[in-house]
Every structure is written in C-alpha cells, then in structure tokens.
Amino acid sequence: MNANSILAPSDPEFDYIIVGAGSAGCVLANRLSANGKHSVLLLEAGPKDSNIWIHVPLGYGKLFKEKTVNWMYQTEPEPELKGRQVFQPRGKTLGGSSSINGLLYVRGQHEDYYRWRQHGNAGWGYDDVLPYFKKAENQTRGADQYHGSGGPLPVSNMVVTDPLSKAFIDAAVETGLPYNPDFNGATQEGVGLFQTTTRNGRRASTAVAYLGPAKTRSNLKVETEALGQRVLFEGRRAVGVEYRQGATVRRARARKEVVLSSGAYNTPQLLQLSGVGPADLLRKHGIDVVLDAAGVGHDLQDHMQVRIVMRCSQKITLNDTVNHPLRRTFAGARYALFRKGWLTIAAGTAGAFFKTNPRLASPDIQVHFLPFSTDKMGEKLHDFSGFTASVCQLRPESRGSLRIRSADPNVPPEIRINYMSTETDRTTNVEGLKILRKILHAPALKPFVVSEYDPGAKVSTDAELLDYCRERGSTIYHPTSTCRMGNDALAVVDQRLKVRGLEGLRVVDGSIMPDLVSGNTNAPIIMIAEKASDMILEDAR
C-alpha cells in the first residue's frame, strides 16, 4: 500500500521519528534535538518509567516478570537445551532494557571492534568507537586514555564490597588470574569489581541520563504507550510511522528519516510488519513486500549463562537479609535514608574474564559473581545462605532467527536462538564451568563454603557438565545481530546504519551488531547511538 493514501495533510510532521525509547532511542532523542534545528518524535510502546523498582538498582529482580514494563518474550523450544523455552525479558518502558537490566557497564574487548572493522565495517574499529564511549561517560574515576567525564551517562564504582565478593576476587587470583581494576581499560582479562550505570545509589537508565535533560525541549515530543505498527513508505523511501495509542491509530510523517531503535527483537519485527524482510514470510502473512531482505531477523545471537550455586557457611548473603523480616526492614530503611546497602547492588558485584584455552588471543568466558542464590533469576531467594557465580561464553558461534507469527503487531514474534548448536559452544561452556569450579573451591573462599549446592558433586565428568548446561543454561539477556551491519547479501544496514536498498530509514540499536561483543551489551548500544547521532546530523547538512 502506498503511504500517499495513508498519510493525510493533518498528520503531524517531524524531521526525525525514532521508534523505541530504549538504550539507543533515548540517546538519539537527546542528541538529535540538542541543537534546536530539528524536530523529533520519540515513540515508546511502554509506559513512563514511573515504577519505583526501576530506579532502585536491586529492583531488577522485581521487574523480571513485571509485564507492565517487560515484553516477557519466550524462545521456541531450544533443541540443544532439552526442548526448553528460555524466558527473554526485554524492557518496555522509557529507557527500555536500560531500565530493567543488571546495570553493569562492560564494553567488550578492543578485539571485538577490530573484528567488526576487519569484516568490512569501516569506521567501527576500536579506535573509531572509543571516542564515543568516552563522550557518553561521566566516569566516577575521572577522564583518562580510556574514559571520559562530563558525559550524560554516570559510570560508578561498585558501592557494596561485601566479604564474599572480596573473597571471590582473592580466590580467582589464587588460581592464576590477574587482578584487573578496570575491565574497560587497556585489557579485559582478570578479576575485579564491576562498574555500574548508577548515580548516588540510583539506576541511571538512558531515560534518566539522556532523555531526562532533553524532555523540556520544544522540538522534542515523547509519546508513551505508542506501539509502532509499521513504517510507511512512498516507493522505497520511508516517510512516516503508523502507531497505536490505546484504541487510536495515529500516523506521523518524517521529513528526513525514520530511525528504528526498538531492539534486537522488536526492530526486525517492525521491519517485517512493514514489508521489509524475507518475501516468503511476508507473503505468508498477507503483507505487501516493499523490499525482499532475507537478512532481517537473521543471525540472532545471545549470551547464555550457566550458574553454580554454593551454600555459604556464614549468614552474610542477601538471602539472609531478604528472609529475615527485621534485617530486610533495616536494609530498606538504610537505602531509603542513605542510598547504601544491599539495594544498591547490580547483577554482579565481582566479575572475571578468562580463557578456556591458553592458545586463545583473548578471554572467551565472563563470570558474574553474586552474593545471593536462587533457583531461577527473578524468583524467590533460597532459604539458606548462598551465593552464585555463572559462566557466560563471550563469543558464541550459534546463530538463530526472529520471524513474525502474524501481521498483528501485538502477537509476539517467533524467537529461535539455537543456544549451544556448535561444538565450540558446547566445549567452551563445559571448560568454563571447570575453571569456575576451581575458583569457587580455592583457599580464599574455603572459610565461606559449606558445599556446592548446584550442580553439586553428582556432576563431575565432561558429559555430566554438558548435560547440566542443557538442563540449566539460560539467557544473560544480550540479544543482538538481527539487522546486522555489513556488506554481504544478508547484511541489513550499511556502515552508516542505513537500511540497504531503502531510503530515509536507519536502524540504531543492538540489532546492528555484526556479532556479539565480549561483555554486556548496554554500553556498546549507547556507543552505537552516540556514533549514529553524529552520522545522522552529518547527513542532514
């Protein structure tokens, strides 16, 4: 259908329409509206970020199953995980997943970005992207060769340094890992404390850090509860967006560009709903094909985690506080009064990066250490004293897909990640668990350990560890690459993040990553949006 028959003269016009107010969208809204020359419409499918738990760091545990701010997706049954569906929480509120994530600031390795550039993505090497990481940052430790200060995004040291996290660091050093005070500096390898996107004990989502200061600008309009239904085209040029607020369908025209920033699941879904994607899929659902683009929704990647739970010999874990009414009340009061204590912790206090094979050029495993334990993240903590450490394979080979199930935008897409579908992925997870076990049983942690609770002594051989990975492996919430940047036939966007084969349409979010970075994805997505903002403004001249 031609957009001329849809857009009316009365429909509002903006220079830029951004679909998705998440980790990338809020950055874009700030930067594109900053000079006052351009009008910007920012659409967010979810509500305002007024849920109190969004702003409390430990509140992420309360938001795992909170459907008002979470898309709560599920994968299809995963063949290598015994046919299990894997829960996929994604942010559905101002700030997107930066409002419900684990708050860790980890950029990945220098080598990740050099690899992107070596695959033909000019302008995306580490030396190209470092200035944008620095531009975003307001680093607690101040500016240096690798960090910036004065940017919108607060990056802070871990506030809680509990005895277990310290003992984990000491134990890792005892097994041969170097102490590393900065995973985002000269090198990633080693063990240390994570930094977080927090300010004074409060979460600093991109809605807080970027959108908050820009909200009062007259040239920026923010619409919440606004579900993007399709991009509108005149021929092969994107000219607007159709979206639904409640029972009302609205349309807006974009004079310059439509920018999709809805994340690795919702961006390819919206493209497919708009007629951009695999032609057979679109025709199956009665959608007119604007562009046959087989790569839209292709190459989905995610990080998987496998956790080890330890019984603690001392009542010093978060479990002990949460399960004791008086201690729980005291922790809440301490946070309310001083912004200190347990409620300030992120989804990992200490961390480690190591190689499962000494021949590797860089670490292939990330460990998240947590001074609490549970059977499933987001569910009730154990009634015993416990702590957790997980292995996460940094560069999985496995790739999956995202495909719409229906032409109805309200129907969740079909998500297939294909975790552990290659031999390298299976071997890396098993070797990672073996090395993590050595750390957890090292001398520095012995005074705190009663026994390994899960998987426990019953699991010891490689075959048993692999079976445990299949039984218990789950996401660590980093989906990427469904609108991949590149030059090959399946690449969706070019190096300036313009959708190949179309005009007036860009994708700016984690879906453009050529492959996964070796770390958490929020910091790189913010970098991508900072870099994209400059490119968009350059192209507008």
Protein backbone atom coordinates (compact mmCIF):
# COMPACT_ATOMS: atom_id res chain seq x y z
CA MET A 1 0.00 0.00 0.00
CA ASN A 2 1.36 3.44 -0.86
CA ALA A 3 1.86 5.87 2.01
CA ASN A 4 0.24 8.64 -0.03
CA SER A 5 -3.11 7.02 0.60
CA ILE A 6 -2.38 6.76 4.32
CA LEU A 7 -0.69 9.96 5.41
CA ALA A 8 -3.03 12.96 5.50
CA PRO A 9 -2.14 16.67 5.42
CA SER A 10 -3.35 16.87 9.02
CA ASP A 11 -0.87 14.25 10.24
CA PRO A 12 1.94 15.85 12.28
CA GLU A 13 5.37 16.22 10.68
CA PHE A 14 8.77 15.85 12.29
CA ASP A 15 12.27 15.84 10.90
CA TYR A 16 13.03 12.55 12.68
CA ILE A 17 10.81 9.83 14.08
CA ILE A 18 12.53 7.44 16.49
CA VAL A 19 10.69 4.19 17.23
CA GLY A 20 11.74 2.86 20.62
CA ALA A 21 12.86 4.85 23.67
CA GLY A 22 15.39 2.35 24.97
CA SER A 23 19.16 2.24 25.41
CA ALA A 24 19.64 3.74 21.93
CA GLY A 25 16.44 5.69 21.37
CA CYS A 26 16.83 7.99 24.37
CA VAL A 27 20.41 8.81 23.31
CA LEU A 28 19.22 9.67 19.80
CA ALA A 29 16.34 11.80 21.09
CA ASN A 30 18.76 13.86 23.17
CA ARG A 31 21.46 14.28 20.54
CA LEU A 32 19.19 14.91 17.51
CA SER A 33 17.17 17.57 19.35
CA ALA A 34 20.12 19.26 21.09
CA ASN A 35 20.87 21.96 18.51
CA GLY A 36 17.24 23.05 18.31
CA LYS A 37 17.26 22.83 14.50
CA HIS A 38 15.42 19.55 14.14
CA SER A 39 12.04 18.37 15.37
CA VAL A 40 11.99 14.87 16.85
CA LEU A 41 9.19 12.45 17.72
CA LEU A 42 10.13 9.62 20.09
CA LEU A 43 7.70 6.69 20.29
CA GLU A 44 7.74 4.19 23.15
CA ALA A 45 5.41 1.18 23.29
CA GLY A 46 5.54 1.02 27.09
CA PRO A 47 4.65 3.46 29.87
CA LYS A 48 6.68 6.19 31.55
CA ASP A 49 9.46 4.93 33.82
CA SER A 50 7.47 5.64 36.98
CA ASN A 51 7.64 2.15 38.51
CA ILE A 52 9.61 2.67 41.75
CA TRP A 53 11.66 -0.51 41.25
CA ILE A 54 13.13 0.82 38.00
CA HIS A 55 15.16 3.35 39.95
CA VAL A 56 16.38 1.02 42.73
CA PRO A 57 19.40 -0.95 41.46
CA LEU A 58 18.42 -4.26 43.05
CA GLY A 59 14.89 -3.66 41.73
CA TYR A 60 15.76 -5.52 38.54
CA GLY A 61 14.75 -8.67 40.40
CA LYS A 62 11.24 -7.26 40.79
CA LEU A 63 10.98 -6.43 37.07
CA PHE A 64 11.79 -9.86 35.58
CA LYS A 65 8.12 -10.82 35.47
CA GLU A 66 6.54 -7.35 35.57
CA LYS A 67 4.57 -7.31 32.34
CA THR A 68 3.75 -3.59 32.52
CA VAL A 69 7.41 -2.75 31.79
CA ASN A 70 8.66 -6.01 30.24
CA TRP A 71 7.83 -7.71 26.94
CA MET A 72 8.38 -11.07 28.66
CA TYR A 73 9.20 -12.97 25.49
CA GLN A 74 9.90 -16.69 25.28
CA THR A 75 12.04 -18.57 22.78
CA GLU A 76 10.74 -21.50 20.82
CA PRO A 77 11.79 -24.86 22.32
CA GLU A 78 15.60 -24.91 22.17
CA PRO A 79 16.90 -28.16 20.57
CA GLU A 80 20.19 -28.26 22.49
CA LEU A 81 18.57 -27.29 25.81
CA LYS A 82 16.32 -30.34 26.02
CA GLY A 83 13.47 -28.59 24.25
CA ARG A 84 13.14 -25.95 26.96
CA GLN A 85 11.76 -22.49 26.19
CA VAL A 86 14.05 -19.77 27.52
CA PHE A 87 12.49 -16.67 29.05
CA GLN A 88 13.58 -13.42 27.38
CA PRO A 89 12.88 -10.29 29.47
CA ARG A 90 13.11 -7.05 27.45
CA GLY A 91 12.38 -3.52 28.62
CA LYS A 92 9.02 -1.98 27.67
CA THR A 93 9.19 1.49 29.21
CA LEU A 94 11.14 4.71 28.83
CA GLY A 95 14.77 3.59 28.95
CA GLY A 96 13.88 0.18 27.50
CA SER A 97 16.12 -2.58 28.77
CA SER A 98 18.42 0.00 30.41
CA SER A 99 15.53 0.47 32.87
CA ILE A 100 15.28 -3.19 33.84
CA ASN A 101 18.78 -4.59 33.20
CA GLY A 102 21.50 -5.59 35.65
CA LEU A 103 23.26 -2.17 35.43
CA LEU A 104 26.73 -3.49 34.56
CA TYR A 105 28.96 -1.28 32.43
CA VAL A 106 31.12 -3.59 30.30
CA ARG A 107 32.08 -2.50 26.79
CA GLY A 108 33.63 -5.70 25.47
CA GLN A 109 37.14 -6.24 24.18
CA HIS A 110 39.14 -4.00 21.85
CA GLU A 111 39.38 -7.03 19.55
CA ASP A 112 35.57 -7.14 19.12
CA TYR A 113 35.51 -3.83 17.32
CA TYR A 114 38.66 -4.51 15.30
CA ARG A 115 36.93 -7.71 14.17
CA TRP A 116 33.89 -5.67 13.08
CA ARG A 117 36.14 -3.45 11.00
CA GLN A 118 38.10 -6.38 9.56
CA HIS A 119 34.79 -7.79 8.29
CA GLY A 120 34.38 -4.71 6.14
CA ASN A 121 32.64 -2.32 8.53
CA ALA A 122 34.78 0.77 8.03
CA GLY A 123 34.64 3.24 10.89
CA TRP A 124 33.80 0.64 13.55
CA GLY A 125 37.26 -0.37 14.82
CA TYR A 126 38.11 0.12 18.49
CA ASP A 127 39.98 3.37 17.81
CA ASP A 128 36.88 4.59 15.90
CA VAL A 129 34.38 3.80 18.65
CA LEU A 130 36.45 4.68 21.76
CA PRO A 131 35.74 8.44 21.39
CA TYR A 132 32.00 7.67 21.57
CA PHE A 133 32.34 5.52 24.68
CA LYS A 134 34.24 8.43 26.23
CA LYS A 135 31.72 11.01 25.01
CA ALA A 136 28.90 9.13 26.72
CA GLU A 137 30.67 8.64 30.04
CA ASN A 138 30.71 10.58 33.24
CA GLN A 139 33.27 8.30 34.83
CA THR A 140 33.49 8.42 38.63
CA ARG A 141 37.25 7.86 38.41
CA GLY A 142 37.72 10.79 36.04
CA ALA A 143 38.91 11.04 32.45
CA ASP A 144 41.93 9.18 31.10
CA GLN A 145 43.07 7.40 27.94
CA TYR A 146 40.08 5.04 28.05
CA HIS A 147 37.41 7.04 29.86
CA GLY A 148 35.52 10.29 29.70
CA SER A 149 33.99 12.60 32.27
CA GLY A 150 31.21 15.12 31.87
CA GLY A 151 29.09 12.93 29.58
CA PRO A 152 25.43 12.13 30.27
CA LEU A 153 25.95 8.54 31.48
CA PRO A 154 27.14 8.05 35.08
CA VAL A 155 29.58 5.16 35.44
CA SER A 156 30.24 4.41 39.09
CA ASN A 157 32.29 2.07 41.24
CA MET A 158 30.50 -0.77 42.99
CA VAL A 159 29.10 0.60 46.25
CA VAL A 160 28.75 -2.71 48.13
CA THR A 161 32.04 -4.53 48.70
CA ASP A 162 30.85 -7.49 50.77
CA PRO A 163 33.29 -10.09 52.14
CA LEU A 164 32.14 -12.75 49.67
CA SER A 165 32.87 -10.60 46.63
CA LYS A 166 36.31 -9.81 48.00
CA ALA A 167 36.96 -13.48 48.72
CA PHE A 168 35.92 -14.38 45.16
CA ILE A 169 38.48 -11.93 43.77
CA ASP A 170 41.18 -13.33 46.06
CA ALA A 171 40.25 -16.89 45.06
CA ALA A 172 40.49 -16.09 41.35
CA VAL A 173 43.92 -14.51 41.90
CA GLU A 174 45.00 -17.68 43.74
CA THR A 175 44.10 -19.73 40.64
CA GLY A 176 46.30 -17.52 38.46
CA LEU A 177 44.04 -14.73 37.18
CA PRO A 178 45.49 -11.22 37.41
CA TYR A 179 43.66 -8.57 39.41
CA ASN A 180 42.08 -6.09 36.98
CA PRO A 181 40.75 -2.78 38.35
CA ASP A 182 39.18 -1.79 35.00
CA PHE A 183 37.55 -4.25 32.60
CA ASN A 184 37.04 -1.35 30.17
CA GLY A 185 40.63 -0.18 30.11
CA ALA A 186 43.80 -1.48 28.49
CA THR A 187 42.80 -5.14 28.75
CA GLN A 188 39.77 -7.13 29.87
CA GLU A 189 41.39 -10.28 31.24
CA GLY A 190 41.42 -10.74 35.00
CA VAL A 191 39.21 -10.42 38.05
CA GLY A 192 37.82 -7.40 39.86
CA LEU A 193 34.72 -5.41 40.71
CA PHE A 194 32.27 -4.32 38.03
CA GLN A 195 31.34 -0.71 37.42
CA THR A 196 27.67 0.21 37.08
CA THR A 197 25.39 2.73 35.39
CA THR A 198 24.29 4.29 38.66
CA ARG A 199 24.43 7.68 40.31
CA ASN A 200 24.29 8.06 44.10
CA GLY A 201 22.75 4.62 44.58
CA ARG A 202 20.10 5.08 41.87
CA ARG A 203 19.82 3.50 38.43
CA ALA A 204 20.94 5.74 35.58
CA SER A 205 18.97 4.38 32.62
CA THR A 206 19.20 6.23 29.31
CA ALA A 207 15.78 7.67 30.14
CA VAL A 208 17.30 9.25 33.24
CA ALA A 209 20.71 10.12 31.80
CA TYR A 210 19.76 11.26 28.29
CA LEU A 211 16.03 11.78 27.96
CA GLY A 212 15.51 13.50 31.31
CA PRO A 213 17.64 16.57 30.45
CA ALA A 214 16.02 16.83 26.98
CA LYS A 215 12.34 16.39 27.87
CA THR A 216 11.57 20.11 28.16
CA ARG A 217 12.83 20.95 24.67
CA SER A 218 10.05 22.30 22.49
CA ASN A 219 11.39 20.45 19.44
CA LEU A 220 11.18 17.01 21.13
CA LYS A 221 7.86 15.20 21.53
CA VAL A 222 7.75 11.96 23.53
CA GLU A 223 4.78 9.62 23.18
CA THR A 224 4.43 6.65 25.55
CA GLU A 225 2.03 3.68 25.24
CA ALA A 226 2.62 4.15 21.49
CA LEU A 227 3.14 0.80 19.73
CA GLY A 228 4.77 1.09 16.33
CA GLN A 229 2.64 -0.84 13.85
CA ARG A 230 4.50 -0.19 10.60
CA VAL A 231 6.86 2.11 8.79
CA LEU A 232 5.12 3.94 5.95
CA PHE A 233 6.78 4.05 2.53
CA GLU A 234 6.46 6.00 -0.69
CA GLY A 235 8.06 3.57 -3.09
CA ARG A 236 11.23 2.57 -1.29
CA ARG A 237 11.53 5.70 0.82
CA ALA A 238 10.40 5.65 4.46
CA VAL A 239 8.20 8.69 5.00
CA GLY A 240 6.45 8.05 8.30
CA VAL A 241 5.25 5.72 11.01
CA GLU A 242 1.86 4.32 11.96
CA TYR A 243 1.41 3.64 15.67
CA ARG A 244 -1.36 2.78 18.09
CA GLN A 245 -2.13 4.51 21.38
CA GLY A 246 -4.92 2.69 23.18
CA ALA A 247 -7.72 2.25 20.63
CA THR A 248 -6.48 5.07 18.39
CA VAL A 249 -4.28 4.55 15.34
CA ARG A 250 -2.09 7.57 14.63
CA ARG A 251 0.36 8.47 11.88
CA ALA A 252 3.25 10.89 11.68
CA ARG A 253 5.40 11.98 8.73
CA ALA A 254 9.19 12.10 8.83
CA ARG A 255 10.71 14.81 6.65
CA LYS A 256 14.24 13.44 6.94
CA GLU A 257 14.43 9.96 8.46
CA VAL A 258 12.69 7.22 10.37
CA VAL A 259 15.07 5.62 12.90
CA LEU A 260 14.24 2.20 14.36
CA SER A 261 15.64 1.69 17.87
CA SER A 262 13.35 -0.99 19.22
CA GLY A 263 15.99 -3.61 19.95
CA ALA A 264 17.07 -6.96 18.55
CA TYR A 265 13.55 -8.39 18.74
CA ASN A 266 11.18 -5.51 18.06
CA THR A 267 13.13 -3.78 15.30
CA PRO A 268 13.18 -6.77 12.90
CA GLN A 269 9.59 -7.49 13.87
CA LEU A 270 8.56 -3.96 12.88
CA LEU A 271 10.53 -4.15 9.62
CA GLN A 272 8.82 -7.41 8.71
CA LEU A 273 5.40 -5.97 9.61
CA SER A 274 6.25 -3.05 7.32
CA GLY A 275 7.07 -5.20 4.30
CA VAL A 276 10.84 -5.36 4.73
CA GLY A 277 12.11 -8.89 5.26
CA PRO A 278 12.09 -12.40 3.74
CA ALA A 279 9.49 -12.19 0.96
CA ASP A 280 8.06 -15.68 1.57
CA LEU A 281 7.46 -14.86 5.24
CA LEU A 282 5.76 -11.56 4.43
CA ARG A 283 3.50 -13.05 1.76
CA LYS A 284 2.55 -15.87 4.12
CA HIS A 285 1.08 -13.25 6.45
CA GLY A 286 -0.52 -11.17 3.70
CA ILE A 287 1.98 -8.31 3.93
CA ASP A 288 2.89 -6.40 0.75
CA VAL A 289 6.62 -6.72 0.05
CA VAL A 290 8.44 -3.38 -0.01
CA LEU A 291 11.89 -4.99 -0.02
CA ASP A 292 12.80 -8.68 -0.10
CA ALA A 293 15.52 -8.64 2.56
CA ALA A 294 16.34 -12.15 3.75
CA GLY A 295 18.71 -10.84 6.43
CA VAL A 296 16.00 -9.11 8.50
CA GLY A 297 15.64 -11.30 11.59
CA HIS A 298 18.56 -13.50 10.53
CA ASP A 299 21.76 -14.12 12.54
CA LEU A 300 20.22 -13.68 16.02
CA GLN A 301 22.81 -14.18 18.77
CA ASP A 302 22.61 -14.14 22.56
CA HIS A 303 24.88 -14.86 25.51
CA MET A 304 23.99 -17.93 27.55
CA GLN A 305 24.83 -18.31 31.24
CA VAL A 306 25.23 -21.43 33.37
CA ARG A 307 25.23 -20.89 37.12
CA ILE A 308 26.92 -22.62 40.04
CA VAL A 309 25.30 -22.14 43.46
CA MET A 310 27.26 -22.52 46.70
CA ARG A 311 25.97 -22.98 50.25
CA CYS A 312 27.58 -20.34 52.45
CA SER A 313 28.82 -21.12 55.95
CA GLN A 314 28.03 -17.63 57.29
CA LYS A 315 24.81 -15.60 57.36
CA ILE A 316 26.29 -12.80 55.28
CA THR A 317 24.40 -13.23 51.99
CA LEU A 318 21.47 -11.31 50.59
CA ASN A 319 19.41 -14.47 51.17
CA ASP A 320 19.87 -13.98 54.91
CA THR A 321 18.69 -10.37 54.74
CA VAL A 322 15.69 -10.98 52.48
CA ASN A 323 14.50 -13.97 54.52
CA HIS A 324 14.75 -12.17 57.89
CA PRO A 325 11.96 -9.59 58.44
CA LEU A 326 13.99 -7.33 60.73
CA ARG A 327 17.13 -7.35 58.58
CA ARG A 328 15.01 -6.82 55.47
CA THR A 329 13.32 -3.79 57.03
CA PHE A 330 16.68 -2.38 58.11
CA ALA A 331 18.09 -2.80 54.59
CA GLY A 332 15.11 -0.96 53.11
CA ALA A 333 15.43 1.87 55.62
CA ARG A 334 19.16 2.15 55.05
CA TYR A 335 18.61 2.50 51.34
CA ALA A 336 15.76 4.99 51.74
CA LEU A 337 17.82 7.18 54.07
CA PHE A 338 21.36 6.84 52.72
CA ARG A 339 21.16 5.09 49.30
CA LYS A 340 23.53 2.44 50.63
CA GLY A 341 23.50 -1.28 51.33
CA TRP A 342 22.08 -4.33 49.61
CA LEU A 343 19.56 -2.47 47.46
CA THR A 344 22.39 -0.77 45.54
CA ILE A 345 23.90 -3.95 44.11
CA ALA A 346 23.83 -4.80 40.41
CA ALA A 347 23.51 -8.18 38.66
CA GLY A 348 27.07 -8.98 39.56
CA THR A 349 29.38 -7.45 42.14
CA ALA A 350 32.68 -9.06 41.20
CA GLY A 351 33.49 -10.41 37.78
CA ALA A 352 36.17 -12.32 35.94
CA PHE A 353 37.28 -12.79 32.34
CA PHE A 354 39.42 -15.75 31.41
CA LYS A 355 40.46 -18.06 28.55
CA THR A 356 39.31 -21.67 28.47
CA ASN A 357 42.31 -22.40 26.24
CA PRO A 358 45.71 -20.70 26.58
CA ARG A 359 46.03 -20.56 22.78
CA LEU A 360 43.15 -18.06 22.57
CA ALA A 361 44.01 -14.43 21.85
CA SER A 362 41.57 -13.07 24.44
CA PRO A 363 39.15 -14.29 27.15
CA ASP A 364 36.17 -16.32 25.97
CA ILE A 365 34.37 -16.56 29.34
CA GLN A 366 32.86 -13.91 31.59
CA VAL A 367 31.94 -14.72 35.20
CA HIS A 368 29.28 -12.84 37.15
CA PHE A 369 29.54 -13.27 40.92
CA LEU A 370 26.51 -12.61 43.12
CA PRO A 371 26.26 -12.73 46.94
CA PHE A 372 22.84 -14.41 46.79
CA SER A 373 21.27 -17.53 45.28
CA THR A 374 18.01 -18.68 43.73
CA ASP A 375 16.75 -21.49 41.53
CA LYS A 376 15.81 -19.04 38.76
CA MET A 377 16.72 -15.39 38.38
CA GLY A 378 13.84 -13.15 39.40
CA GLU A 379 12.33 -15.77 41.70
CA LYS A 380 12.43 -16.29 45.48
CA LEU A 381 15.89 -16.46 47.04
CA HIS A 382 16.90 -19.71 48.71
CA ASP A 383 16.03 -20.11 52.38
CA PHE A 384 19.66 -20.99 53.12
CA SER A 385 22.77 -18.81 52.99
CA GLY A 386 24.01 -18.98 49.43
CA PHE A 387 25.95 -17.28 46.67
CA THR A 388 26.19 -17.70 42.91
CA ALA A 389 28.70 -17.47 40.08
CA SER A 390 27.87 -18.01 36.43
CA VAL A 391 29.87 -18.64 33.27
CA CYS A 392 28.94 -16.82 30.08
CA GLN A 393 30.53 -17.76 26.76
CA LEU A 394 31.53 -14.41 25.27
CA ARG A 395 31.62 -15.21 21.55
CA PRO A 396 29.13 -17.97 20.77
CA GLU A 397 29.12 -19.32 17.23
CA SER A 398 25.45 -20.27 17.37
CA ARG A 399 23.01 -18.15 15.39
CA GLY A 400 19.23 -18.09 15.34
CA SER A 401 16.36 -16.10 13.89
CA LEU A 402 13.39 -13.87 14.59
CA ARG A 403 10.26 -14.11 12.44
CA ILE A 404 6.81 -12.65 12.82
CA ARG A 405 3.99 -15.11 13.51
CA SER A 406 1.26 -12.75 12.33
CA ALA A 407 0.57 -9.41 10.64
CA ASP A 408 -0.80 -8.28 14.04
CA PRO A 409 1.85 -6.16 15.85
CA ASN A 410 0.54 -7.39 19.20
CA VAL A 411 1.47 -11.01 18.51
CA PRO A 412 4.94 -11.83 19.93
CA PRO A 413 7.49 -12.89 17.32
CA GLU A 414 8.94 -16.37 16.94
CA ILE A 415 12.38 -16.36 18.59
CA ARG A 416 14.91 -19.12 17.88
CA ILE A 417 18.37 -18.63 19.37
CA ASN A 418 19.80 -22.14 18.92
CA TYR A 419 21.97 -21.98 22.04
CA MET A 420 24.94 -24.41 22.05
CA SER A 421 24.32 -25.60 18.50
CA THR A 422 28.04 -25.84 17.69
CA GLU A 423 30.78 -28.00 19.18
CA THR A 424 32.83 -24.93 20.12
CA ASP A 425 29.92 -23.53 22.14
CA ARG A 426 29.37 -26.80 23.98
CA THR A 427 33.06 -27.29 24.76
CA THR A 428 33.56 -23.69 25.91
CA ASN A 429 30.70 -23.86 28.40
CA VAL A 430 31.98 -27.11 29.90
CA GLU A 431 35.57 -25.86 30.17
CA GLY A 432 34.32 -22.58 31.65
CA LEU A 433 32.45 -24.43 34.39
CA LYS A 434 35.54 -26.48 35.23
CA ILE A 435 37.68 -23.37 35.64
CA LEU A 436 34.97 -21.58 37.66
CA ARG A 437 34.74 -24.57 39.99
CA LYS A 438 38.48 -24.28 40.69
CA ILE A 439 37.97 -20.65 41.68
CA LEU A 440 34.99 -21.43 43.91
CA HIS A 441 36.98 -24.13 45.74
CA ALA A 442 40.19 -22.08 46.08
CA PRO A 443 41.58 -21.35 49.59
CA ALA A 444 40.28 -17.76 49.85
CA LEU A 445 36.65 -18.96 49.60
CA LYS A 446 37.03 -22.06 51.81
CA PRO A 447 36.01 -20.27 55.04
CA PHE A 448 32.71 -19.31 53.36
CA VAL A 449 31.81 -22.60 51.68
CA VAL A 450 29.77 -25.47 53.12
CA SER A 451 29.32 -27.26 49.81
CA GLU A 452 28.39 -26.85 46.17
CA TYR A 453 24.58 -26.90 46.04
CA ASP A 454 24.05 -26.83 42.30
CA PRO A 455 25.06 -28.79 40.28
CA GLY A 456 26.82 -30.46 43.22
CA ALA A 457 29.27 -33.34 43.49
CA LYS A 458 26.98 -35.65 41.50
CA VAL A 459 28.03 -33.77 38.34
CA SER A 460 31.73 -34.22 37.58
CA THR A 461 32.52 -35.61 34.11
CA ASP A 462 32.51 -33.52 30.94
CA ALA A 463 29.42 -35.36 29.75
CA GLU A 464 27.61 -34.65 33.03
CA LEU A 465 28.62 -30.97 32.90
CA LEU A 466 27.33 -30.68 29.33
CA ASP A 467 24.06 -32.27 30.39
CA TYR A 468 23.86 -29.74 33.24
CA CYS A 469 24.37 -26.90 30.72
CA ARG A 470 21.50 -28.29 28.67
CA GLU A 471 19.33 -28.66 31.76
CA ARG A 472 20.02 -25.27 33.36
CA GLY A 473 21.56 -22.91 30.80
CA SER A 474 19.62 -19.67 30.30
CA THR A 475 19.98 -16.25 28.76
CA ILE A 476 22.09 -13.47 30.18
CA TYR A 477 19.88 -11.05 28.23
CA HIS A 478 22.07 -9.86 25.33
CA PRO A 479 20.21 -10.50 22.04
CA THR A 480 21.87 -8.88 19.00
CA SER A 481 22.58 -9.01 15.27
CA THR A 482 19.07 -9.43 13.75
CA CYS A 483 19.61 -6.38 11.48
CA ARG A 484 23.31 -6.96 11.04
CA MET A 485 25.71 -4.35 9.67
CA GLY A 486 27.86 -5.42 6.73
CA ASN A 487 28.41 -5.64 3.00
CA ASP A 488 27.23 -9.17 2.22
CA ALA A 489 23.86 -10.24 0.85
CA LEU A 490 22.34 -10.87 4.30
CA ALA A 491 23.56 -7.59 5.86
CA VAL A 492 20.60 -5.33 6.66
CA VAL A 493 22.35 -1.98 7.26
CA ASP A 494 25.48 -0.36 5.88
CA GLN A 495 28.29 1.26 7.87
CA ARG A 496 26.17 4.40 8.38
CA LEU A 497 23.35 2.18 9.68
CA LYS A 498 21.11 2.97 6.71
CA VAL A 499 18.87 0.08 5.68
CA ARG A 500 20.34 -1.27 2.46
CA GLY A 501 18.03 -0.91 -0.54
CA LEU A 502 15.82 1.75 1.09
CA GLU A 503 15.97 5.49 1.69
CA GLY A 504 15.13 7.54 4.75
CA LEU A 505 15.38 4.57 7.13
CA ARG A 506 18.06 3.67 9.66
CA VAL A 507 18.42 1.10 12.40
CA VAL A 508 20.24 2.17 15.57
CA ASP A 509 20.28 -0.44 18.35
CA GLY A 510 21.85 -3.77 19.29
CA SER A 511 20.38 -5.49 16.26
CA ILE A 512 23.04 -3.88 14.01
CA MET A 513 25.97 -5.58 15.75
CA PRO A 514 27.80 -7.81 13.22
CA ASP A 515 28.27 -10.26 16.09
CA LEU A 516 28.20 -10.25 19.87
CA VAL A 517 30.66 -8.18 21.84
CA SER A 518 32.65 -9.90 24.59
CA GLY A 519 30.75 -8.36 27.50
CA ASN A 520 27.44 -6.77 28.40
CA THR A 521 25.55 -5.01 25.63
CA ASN A 522 24.12 -1.83 27.16
CA ALA A 523 27.35 0.21 26.99
CA PRO A 524 28.03 -0.72 23.33
CA ILE A 525 24.43 0.09 22.34
CA ILE A 526 24.78 3.54 23.90
CA MET A 527 28.05 3.97 21.98
CA ILE A 528 26.32 2.93 18.74
CA ALA A 529 23.63 5.56 19.32
CA GLU A 530 26.21 8.26 20.08
CA LYS A 531 28.06 7.46 16.85
CA ALA A 532 24.84 7.20 14.84
CA SER A 533 23.68 10.60 16.12
CA ASP A 534 26.77 12.22 14.64
CA MET A 535 26.28 10.40 11.32
CA ILE A 536 22.60 11.40 11.11
CA LEU A 537 23.39 15.05 11.82
CA GLU A 538 26.25 15.00 9.31
CA ASP A 539 23.94 13.61 6.63
CA ALA A 540 21.34 16.30 7.39
CA ARG A 541 23.69 19.13 6.39
